[in-house]
C-alpha atoms as a PDB file:
ATOM      1  CA  UNK A   1     -15.125 -20.590  15.760  1.00  0.00           C
ATOM      2  CA  UNK A   2     -12.552 -18.860  13.527  1.00  0.00           C
ATOM      3  CA  UNK A   3     -10.302 -16.292  15.220  1.00  0.00           C
ATOM      4  CA  UNK A   4      -8.122 -13.688  13.518  1.00  0.00           C
ATOM      5  CA  UNK A   5      -5.668 -11.080  14.762  1.00  0.00           C
ATOM      6  CA  UNK A   6      -6.809  -7.471  14.756  1.00  0.00           C
ATOM      7  CA  UNK A   7      -4.672  -5.608  12.177  1.00  0.00           C
ATOM      8  CA  UNK A   8      -4.383  -2.622  14.519  1.00  0.00           C
ATOM      9  CA  UNK A   9      -3.629  -4.043  17.994  1.00  0.00           C
ATOM     10  CA  UNK A  10      -2.923  -7.715  17.267  1.00  0.00           C
ATOM     11  CA  UNK A  11      -5.521  -9.043  19.715  1.00  0.00           C
ATOM     12  CA  UNK A  12      -7.203 -12.289  18.681  1.00  0.00           C
ATOM     13  CA  UNK A  13     -10.872 -11.784  17.914  1.00  0.00           C
ATOM     14  CA  UNK A  14     -13.676 -13.920  16.538  1.00  0.00           C
ATOM     15  CA  UNK A  15     -14.530 -13.477  12.858  1.00  0.00           C
ATOM     16  CA  UNK A  16     -18.144 -14.627  12.797  1.00  0.00           C
ATOM     17  CA  UNK A  17     -20.649 -12.082  14.037  1.00  0.00           C
ATOM     18  CA  UNK A  18     -18.031  -9.377  14.640  1.00  0.00           C
ATOM     19  CA  UNK A  19     -19.489  -6.094  13.314  1.00  0.00           C
ATOM     20  CA  UNK A  20     -16.033  -4.455  13.299  1.00  0.00           C
ATOM     21  CA  UNK A  21     -14.114  -7.150  11.423  1.00  0.00           C
ATOM     22  CA  UNK A  22     -11.315  -7.393  10.625  1.00  0.00           C
ATOM     23  CA  UNK A  23     -10.783  -5.230  13.731  1.00  0.00           C
ATOM     24  CA  UNK A  24     -11.502  -6.375  17.282  1.00  0.00           C
ATOM     25  CA  UNK A  25     -13.480  -3.283  18.263  1.00  0.00           C
ATOM     26  CA  UNK A  26     -14.912   0.001  17.064  1.00  0.00           C
ATOM     27  CA  UNK A  27     -11.974   1.742  18.758  1.00  0.00           C
ATOM     28  CA  UNK A  28      -9.382  -0.107  16.646  1.00  0.00           C
ATOM     29  CA  UNK A  29     -11.462   0.444  13.510  1.00  0.00           C
ATOM     30  CA  UNK A  30     -11.635   4.213  14.128  1.00  0.00           C
ATOM     31  CA  UNK A  31      -7.957   4.464  15.093  1.00  0.00           C
ATOM     32  CA  UNK A  32      -7.011   2.749  11.828  1.00  0.00           C
ATOM     33  CA  UNK A  33      -9.260   5.094   9.856  1.00  0.00           C
ATOM     34  CA  UNK A  34      -7.626   8.043  11.628  1.00  0.00           C
ATOM     35  CA  UNK A  35      -4.186   6.849  10.533  1.00  0.00           C
ATOM     36  CA  UNK A  36      -5.357   6.740   6.898  1.00  0.00           C
ATOM     37  CA  UNK A  37      -6.945  10.192   7.134  1.00  0.00           C
ATOM     38  CA  UNK A  38      -3.789  11.645   8.710  1.00  0.00           C
ATOM     39  CA  UNK A  39      -1.810  10.097   5.813  1.00  0.00           C
ATOM     40  CA  UNK A  40       0.280   8.033   8.231  1.00  0.00           C
ATOM     41  CA  UNK A  41      -0.199   4.989   5.976  1.00  0.00           C
ATOM     42  CA  UNK A  42       1.101   5.072   2.436  1.00  0.00           C
ATOM     43  CA  UNK A  43       0.676   2.817  -0.574  1.00  0.00           C
ATOM     44  CA  UNK A  44       4.178   1.981  -1.828  1.00  0.00           C
ATOM     45  CA  UNK A  45       3.404   1.461  -5.513  1.00  0.00           C
ATOM     46  CA  UNK A  46       2.534   4.621  -7.459  1.00  0.00           C
ATOM     47  CA  UNK A  47      -0.859   4.559  -9.123  1.00  0.00           C
ATOM     48  CA  UNK A  48      -0.877   4.245 -12.899  1.00  0.00           C
ATOM     49  CA  UNK A  49      -1.589   7.469 -14.722  1.00  0.00           C
ATOM     50  CA  UNK A  50      -0.531   9.762 -11.876  1.00  0.00           C
ATOM     51  CA  UNK A  51       2.026  11.478 -14.107  1.00  0.00           C
ATOM     52  CA  UNK A  52      -0.670  12.504 -16.586  1.00  0.00           C
ATOM     53  CA  UNK A  53      -2.849  13.929 -13.819  1.00  0.00           C
ATOM     54  CA  UNK A  54      -0.098  16.230 -12.563  1.00  0.00           C
ATOM     55  CA  UNK A  55       1.010  17.463 -15.982  1.00  0.00           C
ATOM     56  CA  UNK A  56      -0.624  20.714 -16.995  1.00  0.00           C
ATOM     57  CA  UNK A  57      -1.020  21.621 -20.657  1.00  0.00           C
ATOM     58  CA  UNK A  58       1.657  24.052 -21.800  1.00  0.00           C
ATOM     59  CA  UNK A  59       0.407  27.413 -22.968  1.00  0.00           C
ATOM     60  CA  UNK A  60       1.699  28.709 -26.264  1.00  0.00           C
ATOM     61  CA  UNK A  61       3.179  32.193 -26.516  1.00  0.00           C
ATOM     62  CA  UNK A  62       0.629  34.877 -27.316  1.00  0.00           C
ATOM     63  CA  UNK A  63      -2.376  33.188 -25.712  1.00  0.00           C
END
C-alpha cells in the first residue's frame, strides 16, 4: 500500500481509498483551503498578462 506525507501536517497517510488525498484528513484539507482563502499562500511567479489587466485606458482631454 502506497503511503504519502500529508502536505499540511506531514503525517504519513495511505493514498489508495483516501477521500481527502493528498491530505490525511478532512481537517487538514479544510485548514489548507483556509490558508489559500486567507491569502496566506502566494504563487511566486507573476501570471502572464497581469500588467494588461491592471492598466486602464487613458482618457483623452475633452471627453
